[in-house]
């Protein structure tokens, strides 16, 4: 019990300052003018990507490795949590010339 009481202040400081703990972040990738915006350079496992379709056409954000497939009707958005590290090429199933790449770190 004593050890626990002595450890609590240190645990509180670590949690409060964020030392040693990664905090997930939200990022947005927008589709406009039949193009994906540039994905963020600093993606990590656990981060959230909000895919936003500002076009008047239906699009998808589809991973070539089939790890995700987000359907995006016009003027809509979809969210996904990044679940693994590595490079993932993506495209729109309806417009295959629309492409991009996510580089995800652990």
PDB file of N, CA and C in Angstrom:
ATOM      1  N   UNK A   1       0.825  -1.190   0.000  1.00  0.00           N
ATOM      2  CA  UNK A   1       0.000   0.000   0.000  1.00  0.00           C
ATOM      3  C   UNK A   1       0.871   1.256   0.000  1.00  0.00           C
ATOM      4  N   UNK A   2       1.951   1.225   0.795  1.00  0.00           N
ATOM      5  CA  UNK A   2       2.854   2.378   0.843  1.00  0.00           C
ATOM      6  C   UNK A   2       3.471   2.664  -0.517  1.00  0.00           C
ATOM      7  N   UNK A   3       3.877   1.595  -1.197  1.00  0.00           N
ATOM      8  CA  UNK A   3       4.477   1.758  -2.512  1.00  0.00           C
ATOM      9  C   UNK A   3       3.479   2.394  -3.473  1.00  0.00           C
ATOM     10  N   UNK A   4       2.247   1.952  -3.410  1.00  0.00           N
ATOM     11  CA  UNK A   4       1.208   2.523  -4.260  1.00  0.00           C
ATOM     12  C   UNK A   4       1.033   4.011  -3.964  1.00  0.00           C
ATOM     13  N   UNK A   5       0.996   4.377  -2.712  1.00  0.00           N
ATOM     14  CA  UNK A   5       0.812   5.787  -2.336  1.00  0.00           C
ATOM     15  C   UNK A   5       1.993   6.639  -2.793  1.00  0.00           C
ATOM     16  N   UNK A   6       3.198   6.078  -2.747  1.00  0.00           N
ATOM     17  CA  UNK A   6       4.380   6.815  -3.195  1.00  0.00           C
ATOM     18  C   UNK A   6       4.410   6.936  -4.715  1.00  0.00           C
ATOM     19  N   UNK A   7       3.832   5.956  -5.411  1.00  0.00           N
ATOM     20  CA  UNK A   7       3.861   5.946  -6.875  1.00  0.00           C
ATOM     21  C   UNK A   7       2.792   6.831  -7.496  1.00  0.00           C
ATOM     22  N   UNK A   8       1.717   7.080  -6.804  1.00  0.00           N
ATOM     23  CA  UNK A   8       0.619   7.860  -7.377  1.00  0.00           C
ATOM     24  C   UNK A   8       1.037   9.256  -7.832  1.00  0.00           C
ATOM     25  N   UNK A   9       1.793  10.022  -7.046  1.00  0.00           N
ATOM     26  CA  UNK A   9       2.184  11.351  -7.550  1.00  0.00           C
ATOM     27  C   UNK A   9       3.001  11.277  -8.843  1.00  0.00           C
ATOM     28  N   UNK A  10       3.908  10.318  -8.949  1.00  0.00           N
ATOM     29  CA  UNK A  10       4.706  10.169 -10.157  1.00  0.00           C
ATOM     30  C   UNK A  10       3.814   9.795 -11.343  1.00  0.00           C
ATOM     31  N   UNK A  11       2.891   8.884 -11.136  1.00  0.00           N
ATOM     32  CA  UNK A  11       1.970   8.492 -12.187  1.00  0.00           C
ATOM     33  C   UNK A  11       1.131   9.690 -12.639  1.00  0.00           C
ATOM     34  N   UNK A  12       0.661  10.467 -11.682  1.00  0.00           N
ATOM     35  CA  UNK A  12      -0.123  11.658 -12.013  1.00  0.00           C
ATOM     36  C   UNK A  12       0.687  12.639 -12.851  1.00  0.00           C
ATOM     37  N   UNK A  13       1.935  12.872 -12.499  1.00  0.00           N
ATOM     38  CA  UNK A  13       2.787  13.802 -13.248  1.00  0.00           C
ATOM     39  C   UNK A  13       3.016  13.286 -14.665  1.00  0.00           C
ATOM     40  N   UNK A  14       3.285  11.989 -14.803  1.00  0.00           N
ATOM     41  CA  UNK A  14       3.500  11.424 -16.131  1.00  0.00           C
ATOM     42  C   UNK A  14       2.259  11.559 -17.003  1.00  0.00           C
ATOM     43  N   UNK A  15       1.105  11.274 -16.439  1.00  0.00           N
ATOM     44  CA  UNK A  15      -0.127  11.397 -17.210  1.00  0.00           C
ATOM     45  C   UNK A  15      -0.444  12.849 -17.535  1.00  0.00           C
ATOM     46  N   UNK A  16      -0.224  13.726 -16.584  1.00  0.00           N
ATOM     47  CA  UNK A  16      -0.553  15.141 -16.769  1.00  0.00           C
ATOM     48  C   UNK A  16       0.343  15.799 -17.802  1.00  0.00           C
ATOM     49  N   UNK A  17       1.640  15.477 -17.810  1.00  0.00           N
ATOM     50  CA  UNK A  17       2.567  16.095 -18.756  1.00  0.00           C
ATOM     51  C   UNK A  17       2.580  15.371 -20.091  1.00  0.00           C
ATOM     52  N   UNK A  18       2.022  14.163 -20.132  1.00  0.00           N
ATOM     53  CA  UNK A  18       2.025  13.418 -21.384  1.00  0.00           C
ATOM     54  C   UNK A  18       3.341  12.704 -21.637  1.00  0.00           C
ATOM     55  N   UNK A  19       4.257  12.730 -20.720  1.00  0.00           N
ATOM     56  CA  UNK A  19       5.555  12.089 -20.904  1.00  0.00           C
ATOM     57  C   UNK A  19       5.389  10.596 -21.092  1.00  0.00           C
ATOM     58  N   UNK A  20       5.924  10.105 -22.188  1.00  0.00           N
ATOM     59  CA  UNK A  20       5.896   8.675 -22.430  1.00  0.00           C
ATOM     60  C   UNK A  20       4.587   8.154 -22.990  1.00  0.00           C
ATOM     61  N   UNK A  21       3.612   9.012 -23.177  1.00  0.00           N
ATOM     62  CA  UNK A  21       2.329   8.575 -23.685  1.00  0.00           C
ATOM     63  C   UNK A  21       2.002   9.329 -24.969  1.00  0.00           C
ATOM     64  N   UNK A  22       1.704   8.595 -26.021  1.00  0.00           N
ATOM     65  CA  UNK A  22       1.308   9.230 -27.281  1.00  0.00           C
ATOM     66  C   UNK A  22      -0.185   9.517 -27.227  1.00  0.00           C
ATOM     67  N   UNK A  23      -0.573  10.662 -27.711  1.00  0.00           N
ATOM     68  CA  UNK A  23      -1.974  11.049 -27.748  1.00  0.00           C
ATOM     69  C   UNK A  23      -2.427  11.028 -29.203  1.00  0.00           C
ATOM     70  N   UNK A  24      -3.519  10.326 -29.454  1.00  0.00           N
ATOM     71  CA  UNK A  24      -4.038  10.248 -30.819  1.00  0.00           C
ATOM     72  C   UNK A  24      -4.496  11.627 -31.276  1.00  0.00           C
ATOM     73  N   UNK A  25      -4.357  11.863 -32.561  1.00  0.00           N
ATOM     74  CA  UNK A  25      -4.751  13.140 -33.141  1.00  0.00           C
ATOM     75  C   UNK A  25      -5.761  12.904 -34.264  1.00  0.00           C
ATOM     76  N   UNK A  26      -6.566  13.923 -34.545  1.00  0.00           N
ATOM     77  CA  UNK A  26      -7.499  13.886 -35.671  1.00  0.00           C
ATOM     78  C   UNK A  26      -6.908  14.691 -36.821  1.00  0.00           C
ATOM     79  N   UNK A  27      -7.001  14.130 -38.025  1.00  0.00           N
ATOM     80  CA  UNK A  27      -6.525  14.802 -39.232  1.00  0.00           C
ATOM     81  C   UNK A  27      -7.620  14.751 -40.283  1.00  0.00           C
ATOM     82  N   UNK A  28      -7.599  15.695 -41.192  1.00  0.00           N
ATOM     83  CA  UNK A  28      -8.602  15.722 -42.257  1.00  0.00           C
ATOM     84  C   UNK A  28      -7.939  15.603 -43.618  1.00  0.00           C
ATOM     85  N   UNK A  29      -8.521  14.767 -44.461  1.00  0.00           N
ATOM     86  CA  UNK A  29      -8.152  14.695 -45.874  1.00  0.00           C
ATOM     87  C   UNK A  29      -9.408  15.079 -46.640  1.00  0.00           C
ATOM     88  N   UNK A  30      -9.300  16.121 -47.454  1.00  0.00           N
ATOM     89  CA  UNK A  30     -10.452  16.666 -48.163  1.00  0.00           C
ATOM     90  C   UNK A  30     -10.385  16.303 -49.640  1.00  0.00           C
ATOM     91  N   UNK A  31     -11.542  16.013 -50.201  1.00  0.00           N
ATOM     92  CA  UNK A  31     -11.662  15.798 -51.641  1.00  0.00           C
ATOM     93  C   UNK A  31     -12.354  17.027 -52.215  1.00  0.00           C
ATOM     94  N   UNK A  32     -11.685  17.681 -53.143  1.00  0.00           N
ATOM     95  CA  UNK A  32     -12.252  18.852 -53.820  1.00  0.00           C
ATOM     96  C   UNK A  32     -11.654  18.917 -55.213  1.00  0.00           C
ATOM     97  N   UNK A  33     -12.479  19.253 -56.185  1.00  0.00           N
ATOM     98  CA  UNK A  33     -11.981  19.351 -57.557  1.00  0.00           C
ATOM     99  C   UNK A  33     -11.440  18.037 -58.080  1.00  0.00           C
ATOM    100  N   UNK A  34     -12.058  16.918 -57.639  1.00  0.00           N
ATOM    101  CA  UNK A  34     -11.657  15.573 -58.089  1.00  0.00           C
ATOM    102  C   UNK A  34     -10.232  15.221 -57.670  1.00  0.00           C
ATOM    103  N   UNK A  35      -9.786  15.750 -56.507  1.00  0.00           N
ATOM    104  CA  UNK A  35      -8.449  15.439 -55.976  1.00  0.00           C
ATOM    105  C   UNK A  35      -8.521  15.283 -54.467  1.00  0.00           C
ATOM    106  N   UNK A  36      -7.660  14.389 -53.946  1.00  0.00           N
ATOM    107  CA  UNK A  36      -7.461  14.289 -52.505  1.00  0.00           C
ATOM    108  C   UNK A  36      -6.470  15.371 -52.088  1.00  0.00           C
ATOM    109  N   UNK A  37      -6.711  16.007 -50.949  1.00  0.00           N
ATOM    110  CA  UNK A  37      -5.693  16.905 -50.409  1.00  0.00           C
ATOM    111  C   UNK A  37      -4.523  16.055 -49.919  1.00  0.00           C
ATOM    112  N   UNK A  38      -3.392  16.691 -49.698  1.00  0.00           N
ATOM    113  CA  UNK A  38      -2.211  15.957 -49.224  1.00  0.00           C
ATOM    114  C   UNK A  38      -2.472  15.414 -47.819  1.00  0.00           C
ATOM    115  N   UNK A  39      -2.226  14.130 -47.613  1.00  0.00           N
ATOM    116  CA  UNK A  39      -2.381  13.579 -46.260  1.00  0.00           C
ATOM    117  C   UNK A  39      -1.322  14.152 -45.329  1.00  0.00           C
ATOM    118  N   UNK A  40      -1.592  14.179 -44.039  1.00  0.00           N
ATOM    119  CA  UNK A  40      -0.597  14.666 -43.082  1.00  0.00           C
ATOM    120  C   UNK A  40       0.651  13.804 -43.113  1.00  0.00           C
ATOM    121  N   UNK A  41       1.793  14.413 -42.866  1.00  0.00           N
ATOM    122  CA  UNK A  41       3.067  13.692 -42.890  1.00  0.00           C
ATOM    123  C   UNK A  41       3.307  12.914 -41.597  1.00  0.00           C
ATOM    124  N   UNK A  42       2.719  13.328 -40.507  1.00  0.00           N
ATOM    125  CA  UNK A  42       2.992  12.734 -39.192  1.00  0.00           C
ATOM    126  C   UNK A  42       1.841  11.878 -38.696  1.00  0.00           C
ATOM    127  N   UNK A  43       1.509  10.821 -39.387  1.00  0.00           N
ATOM    128  CA  UNK A  43       0.443   9.923 -38.949  1.00  0.00           C
ATOM    129  C   UNK A  43       1.004   8.814 -38.074  1.00  0.00           C
ATOM    130  N   UNK A  44       0.222   8.430 -37.061  1.00  0.00           N
ATOM    131  CA  UNK A  44       0.615   7.353 -36.152  1.00  0.00           C
ATOM    132  C   UNK A  44      -0.567   6.417 -35.934  1.00  0.00           C
ATOM    133  N   UNK A  45      -0.265   5.178 -35.594  1.00  0.00           N
ATOM    134  CA  UNK A  45      -1.307   4.214 -35.253  1.00  0.00           C
ATOM    135  C   UNK A  45      -2.154   4.817 -34.134  1.00  0.00           C
ATOM    136  N   UNK A  46      -3.464   4.735 -34.281  1.00  0.00           N
ATOM    137  CA  UNK A  46      -4.386   5.293 -33.297  1.00  0.00           C
ATOM    138  C   UNK A  46      -4.938   6.655 -33.689  1.00  0.00           C
ATOM    139  N   UNK A  47      -4.268   7.355 -34.619  1.00  0.00           N
ATOM    140  CA  UNK A  47      -4.786   8.633 -35.100  1.00  0.00           C
ATOM    141  C   UNK A  47      -6.084   8.406 -35.877  1.00  0.00           C
ATOM    142  N   UNK A  48      -6.859   9.467 -36.003  1.00  0.00           N
ATOM    143  CA  UNK A  48      -8.124   9.419 -36.729  1.00  0.00           C
ATOM    144  C   UNK A  48      -7.993  10.266 -37.993  1.00  0.00           C
ATOM    145  N   UNK A  49      -8.454   9.713 -39.107  1.00  0.00           N
ATOM    146  CA  UNK A  49      -8.538  10.500 -40.334  1.00  0.00           C
ATOM    147  C   UNK A  49     -10.015  10.749 -40.618  1.00  0.00           C
ATOM    148  N   UNK A  50     -10.348  12.007 -40.814  1.00  0.00           N
ATOM    149  CA  UNK A  50     -11.683  12.388 -41.249  1.00  0.00           C
ATOM    150  C   UNK A  50     -11.576  12.662 -42.745  1.00  0.00           C
ATOM    151  N   UNK A  51     -12.233  11.831 -43.528  1.00  0.00           N
ATOM    152  CA  UNK A  51     -12.264  11.987 -44.983  1.00  0.00           C
ATOM    153  C   UNK A  51     -13.466  12.861 -45.301  1.00  0.00           C
ATOM    154  N   UNK A  52     -13.252  13.993 -45.939  1.00  0.00           N
ATOM    155  CA  UNK A  52     -14.329  14.947 -46.238  1.00  0.00           C
ATOM    156  C   UNK A  52     -14.463  15.116 -47.746  1.00  0.00           C
ATOM    157  N   UNK A  53     -15.669  14.861 -48.258  1.00  0.00           N
ATOM    158  CA  UNK A  53     -15.941  15.000 -49.682  1.00  0.00           C
ATOM    159  C   UNK A  53     -16.667  16.329 -49.918  1.00  0.00           C
ATOM    160  N   UNK A  54     -15.957  17.312 -50.436  1.00  0.00           N
ATOM    161  CA  UNK A  54     -16.554  18.607 -50.759  1.00  0.00           C
ATOM    162  C   UNK A  54     -17.017  18.689 -52.207  1.00  0.00           C
ATOM    163  N   UNK A  55     -16.861  17.613 -52.967  1.00  0.00           N
ATOM    164  CA  UNK A  55     -17.272  17.581 -54.374  1.00  0.00           C
ATOM    165  C   UNK A  55     -18.771  17.321 -54.500  1.00  0.00           C
ATOM    166  N   UNK A  56     -19.267  17.470 -55.733  1.00  0.00           N
ATOM    167  CA  UNK A  56     -20.667  17.153 -56.019  1.00  0.00           C
ATOM    168  C   UNK A  56     -20.823  15.705 -56.481  1.00  0.00           C
ATOM    169  N   UNK A  57     -19.704  14.982 -56.574  1.00  0.00           N
ATOM    170  CA  UNK A  57     -19.713  13.588 -57.009  1.00  0.00           C
ATOM    171  C   UNK A  57     -19.450  12.659 -55.828  1.00  0.00           C
ATOM    172  N   UNK A  58     -19.954  11.432 -55.920  1.00  0.00           N
ATOM    173  CA  UNK A  58     -19.655  10.405 -54.923  1.00  0.00           C
ATOM    174  C   UNK A  58     -18.215   9.932 -55.111  1.00  0.00           C
ATOM    175  N   UNK A  59     -17.494   9.728 -53.997  1.00  0.00           N
ATOM    176  CA  UNK A  59     -16.121   9.232 -54.019  1.00  0.00           C
ATOM    177  C   UNK A  59     -15.956   8.158 -52.953  1.00  0.00           C
ATOM    178  N   UNK A  60     -14.804   7.521 -52.988  1.00  0.00           N
ATOM    179  CA  UNK A  60     -14.398   6.623 -51.902  1.00  0.00           C
ATOM    180  C   UNK A  60     -12.950   6.926 -51.547  1.00  0.00           C
ATOM    181  N   UNK A  61     -12.579   6.521 -50.368  1.00  0.00           N
ATOM    182  CA  UNK A  61     -11.175   6.451 -49.968  1.00  0.00           C
ATOM    183  C   UNK A  61     -10.934   4.970 -49.722  1.00  0.00           C
ATOM    184  N   UNK A  62     -10.271   4.323 -50.665  1.00  0.00           N
ATOM    185  CA  UNK A  62     -10.133   2.871 -50.658  1.00  0.00           C
ATOM    186  C   UNK A  62      -8.662   2.487 -50.669  1.00  0.00           C
ATOM    187  N   UNK A  63      -8.271   1.675 -49.703  1.00  0.00           N
ATOM    188  CA  UNK A  63      -6.879   1.222 -49.631  1.00  0.00           C
ATOM    189  C   UNK A  63      -6.635   0.145 -50.675  1.00  0.00           C
ATOM    190  N   UNK A  64      -5.506   0.236 -51.342  1.00  0.00           N
ATOM    191  CA  UNK A  64      -5.152  -0.800 -52.329  1.00  0.00           C
ATOM    192  C   UNK A  64      -4.981  -2.160 -51.668  1.00  0.00           C
ATOM    193  N   UNK A  65      -4.562  -2.160 -50.384  1.00  0.00           N
ATOM    194  CA  UNK A  65      -4.398  -3.432 -49.667  1.00  0.00           C
ATOM    195  C   UNK A  65      -5.699  -3.884 -48.992  1.00  0.00           C
ATOM    196  N   UNK A  66      -6.800  -3.177 -49.279  1.00  0.00           N
ATOM    197  CA  UNK A  66      -8.137  -3.506 -48.774  1.00  0.00           C
ATOM    198  C   UNK A  66      -8.291  -3.315 -47.260  1.00  0.00           C
ATOM    199  N   UNK A  67      -7.412  -2.559 -46.636  1.00  0.00           N
ATOM    200  CA  UNK A  67      -7.502  -2.348 -45.187  1.00  0.00           C
ATOM    201  C   UNK A  67      -8.574  -1.331 -44.799  1.00  0.00           C
ATOM    202  N   UNK A  68      -9.028  -0.504 -45.750  1.00  0.00           N
ATOM    203  CA  UNK A  68     -10.157   0.386 -45.494  1.00  0.00           C
ATOM    204  C   UNK A  68     -10.841   0.729 -46.807  1.00  0.00           C
ATOM    205  N   UNK A  69     -12.113   1.058 -46.703  1.00  0.00           N
ATOM    206  CA  UNK A  69     -12.918   1.467 -47.858  1.00  0.00           C
ATOM    207  C   UNK A  69     -14.019   2.378 -47.327  1.00  0.00           C
ATOM    208  N   UNK A  70     -13.825   3.667 -47.447  1.00  0.00           N
ATOM    209  CA  UNK A  70     -14.757   4.663 -46.911  1.00  0.00           C
ATOM    210  C   UNK A  70     -15.600   5.206 -48.064  1.00  0.00           C
ATOM    211  N   UNK A  71     -16.908   5.030 -47.982  1.00  0.00           N
ATOM    212  CA  UNK A  71     -17.824   5.551 -48.997  1.00  0.00           C
ATOM    213  C   UNK A  71     -18.169   6.992 -48.641  1.00  0.00           C
ATOM    214  N   UNK A  72     -18.069   7.894 -49.619  1.00  0.00           N
ATOM    215  CA  UNK A  72     -18.257   9.321 -49.368  1.00  0.00           C
ATOM    216  C   UNK A  72     -19.225   9.940 -50.379  1.00  0.00           C
ATOM    217  N   UNK A  73     -20.508   9.924 -50.060  1.00  0.00           N
ATOM    218  CA  UNK A  73     -21.447  10.637 -50.921  1.00  0.00           C
ATOM    219  C   UNK A  73     -21.085  12.128 -50.987  1.00  0.00           C
ATOM    220  N   UNK A  74     -21.639  12.864 -51.940  1.00  0.00           N
ATOM    221  CA  UNK A  74     -21.331  14.299 -52.033  1.00  0.00           C
ATOM    222  C   UNK A  74     -21.614  15.030 -50.717  1.00  0.00           C
ATOM    223  N   UNK A  75     -20.726  15.949 -50.380  1.00  0.00           N
ATOM    224  CA  UNK A  75     -20.873  16.811 -49.200  1.00  0.00           C
ATOM    225  C   UNK A  75     -21.008  16.012 -47.900  1.00  0.00           C
ATOM    226  N   UNK A  76     -20.218  14.953 -47.780  1.00  0.00           N
ATOM    227  CA  UNK A  76     -20.274  14.121 -46.578  1.00  0.00           C
ATOM    228  C   UNK A  76     -18.859  13.895 -46.039  1.00  0.00           C
ATOM    229  N   UNK A  77     -18.782  13.215 -44.896  1.00  0.00           N
ATOM    230  CA  UNK A  77     -17.486  12.823 -44.358  1.00  0.00           C
ATOM    231  C   UNK A  77     -17.589  11.475 -43.675  1.00  0.00           C
ATOM    232  N   UNK A  78     -16.454  10.811 -43.599  1.00  0.00           N
ATOM    233  CA  UNK A  78     -16.350   9.526 -42.927  1.00  0.00           C
ATOM    234  C   UNK A  78     -15.085   9.519 -42.082  1.00  0.00           C
ATOM    235  N   UNK A  79     -15.106   8.761 -41.001  1.00  0.00           N
ATOM    236  CA  UNK A  79     -13.966   8.715 -40.074  1.00  0.00           C
ATOM    237  C   UNK A  79     -13.394   7.305 -40.024  1.00  0.00           C
ATOM    238  N   UNK A  80     -12.096   7.241 -39.795  1.00  0.00           N
ATOM    239  CA  UNK A  80     -11.458   5.950 -39.580  1.00  0.00           C
ATOM    240  C   UNK A  80     -10.306   6.110 -38.599  1.00  0.00           C
ATOM    241  N   UNK A  81     -10.072   5.078 -37.831  1.00  0.00           N
ATOM    242  CA  UNK A  81      -8.933   5.038 -36.914  1.00  0.00           C
ATOM    243  C   UNK A  81      -7.838   4.236 -37.592  1.00  0.00           C
ATOM    244  N   UNK A  82      -6.638   4.778 -37.616  1.00  0.00           N
ATOM    245  CA  UNK A  82      -5.509   4.077 -38.241  1.00  0.00           C
ATOM    246  C   UNK A  82      -5.100   2.935 -37.325  1.00  0.00           C
ATOM    247  N   UNK A  83      -5.081   1.723 -37.882  1.00  0.00           N
ATOM    248  CA  UNK A  83      -4.874   0.544 -37.041  1.00  0.00           C
ATOM    249  C   UNK A  83      -3.504  -0.118 -37.179  1.00  0.00           C
ATOM    250  N   UNK A  84      -2.739   0.284 -38.208  1.00  0.00           N
ATOM    251  CA  UNK A  84      -1.422  -0.358 -38.331  1.00  0.00           C
ATOM    252  C   UNK A  84      -0.430   0.574 -39.031  1.00  0.00           C
ATOM    253  N   UNK A  85       0.825   0.339 -38.745  1.00  0.00           N
ATOM    254  CA  UNK A  85       1.899   1.158 -39.318  1.00  0.00           C
ATOM    255  C   UNK A  85       2.250   0.670 -40.722  1.00  0.00           C
ATOM    256  N   UNK A  86       2.851   1.575 -41.488  1.00  0.00           N
ATOM    257  CA  UNK A  86       3.305   1.232 -42.828  1.00  0.00           C
ATOM    258  C   UNK A  86       2.766   2.208 -43.854  1.00  0.00           C
ATOM    259  N   UNK A  87       3.158   1.990 -45.092  1.00  0.00           N
ATOM    260  CA  UNK A  87       2.693   2.823 -46.201  1.00  0.00           C
ATOM    261  C   UNK A  87       1.459   2.168 -46.823  1.00  0.00           C
ATOM    262  N   UNK A  88       0.425   2.972 -47.057  1.00  0.00           N
ATOM    263  CA  UNK A  88      -0.806   2.467 -47.659  1.00  0.00           C
ATOM    264  C   UNK A  88      -1.199   3.396 -48.805  1.00  0.00           C
ATOM    265  N   UNK A  89      -1.229   2.849 -50.001  1.00  0.00           N
ATOM    266  CA  UNK A  89      -1.717   3.601 -51.155  1.00  0.00           C
ATOM    267  C   UNK A  89      -3.236   3.531 -51.159  1.00  0.00           C
ATOM    268  N   UNK A  90      -3.870   4.655 -51.503  1.00  0.00           N
ATOM    269  CA  UNK A  90      -5.321   4.665 -51.578  1.00  0.00           C
ATOM    270  C   UNK A  90      -5.776   5.352 -52.866  1.00  0.00           C
ATOM    271  N   UNK A  91      -7.037   5.146 -53.204  1.00  0.00           N
ATOM    272  CA  UNK A  91      -7.602   5.691 -54.442  1.00  0.00           C
ATOM    273  C   UNK A  91      -9.113   5.801 -54.283  1.00  0.00           C
ATOM    274  N   UNK A  92      -9.776   6.387 -55.275  1.00  0.00           N
ATOM    275  CA  UNK A  92     -11.238   6.427 -55.334  1.00  0.00           C
ATOM    276  C   UNK A  92     -11.685   5.325 -56.289  1.00  0.00           C
ATOM    277  N   UNK A  93     -12.566   4.444 -55.839  1.00  0.00           N
ATOM    278  CA  UNK A  93     -13.052   3.353 -56.699  1.00  0.00           C
ATOM    279  C   UNK A  93     -13.788   3.872 -57.929  1.00  0.00           C
ATOM    280  N   UNK A  94     -14.456   5.017 -57.810  1.00  0.00           N
ATOM    281  CA  UNK A  94     -15.207   5.567 -58.932  1.00  0.00           C
ATOM    282  C   UNK A  94     -14.330   6.369 -59.887  1.00  0.00           C
ATOM    283  N   UNK A  95     -13.217   6.860 -59.392  1.00  0.00           N
ATOM    284  CA  UNK A  95     -12.310   7.699 -60.182  1.00  0.00           C
ATOM    285  C   UNK A  95     -10.877   7.251 -59.888  1.00  0.00           C
ATOM    286  N   UNK A  96     -10.425   6.148 -60.481  1.00  0.00           N
ATOM    287  CA  UNK A  96      -9.139   5.521 -60.139  1.00  0.00           C
ATOM    288  C   UNK A  96      -7.910   6.418 -60.316  1.00  0.00           C
ATOM    289  N   UNK A  97      -8.041   7.507 -61.066  1.00  0.00           N
ATOM    290  CA  UNK A  97      -6.906   8.429 -61.209  1.00  0.00           C
ATOM    291  C   UNK A  97      -6.699   9.266 -59.948  1.00  0.00           C
ATOM    292  N   UNK A  98      -7.696   9.284 -59.077  1.00  0.00           N
ATOM    293  CA  UNK A  98      -7.567   9.988 -57.793  1.00  0.00           C
ATOM    294  C   UNK A  98      -6.831   9.066 -56.827  1.00  0.00           C
ATOM    295  N   UNK A  99      -5.617   9.446 -56.447  1.00  0.00           N
ATOM    296  CA  UNK A  99      -4.798   8.570 -55.606  1.00  0.00           C
ATOM    297  C   UNK A  99      -4.115   9.368 -54.500  1.00  0.00           C
ATOM    298  N   UNK A 100      -3.598   8.637 -53.540  1.00  0.00           N
ATOM    299  CA  UNK A 100      -2.807   9.220 -52.460  1.00  0.00           C
ATOM    300  C   UNK A 100      -2.100   8.127 -51.698  1.00  0.00           C
ATOM    301  N   UNK A 101      -1.342   8.529 -50.700  1.00  0.00           N
ATOM    302  CA  UNK A 101      -0.570   7.556 -49.907  1.00  0.00           C
ATOM    303  C   UNK A 101      -0.501   8.026 -48.465  1.00  0.00           C
ATOM    304  N   UNK A 102      -0.775   7.086 -47.545  1.00  0.00           N
ATOM    305  CA  UNK A 102      -0.605   7.344 -46.121  1.00  0.00           C
ATOM    306  C   UNK A 102       0.685   6.702 -45.655  1.00  0.00           C
ATOM    307  N   UNK A 103       1.485   7.436 -44.918  1.00  0.00           N
ATOM    308  CA  UNK A 103       2.687   6.896 -44.285  1.00  0.00           C
ATOM    309  C   UNK A 103       2.451   6.928 -42.781  1.00  0.00           C
ATOM    310  N   UNK A 104       2.261   5.761 -42.198  1.00  0.00           N
ATOM    311  CA  UNK A 104       1.874   5.651 -40.797  1.00  0.00           C
ATOM    312  C   UNK A 104       3.025   5.090 -39.974  1.00  0.00           C
ATOM    313  N   UNK A 105       3.345   5.783 -38.913  1.00  0.00           N
ATOM    314  CA  UNK A 105       4.388   5.330 -37.982  1.00  0.00           C
ATOM    315  C   UNK A 105       3.744   4.645 -36.787  1.00  0.00           C
ATOM    316  N   UNK A 106       4.510   3.799 -36.115  1.00  0.00           N
ATOM    317  CA  UNK A 106       3.940   3.118 -34.920  1.00  0.00           C
ATOM    318  C   UNK A 106       3.523   4.100 -33.841  1.00  0.00           C
TER     319      UNK A 106
END
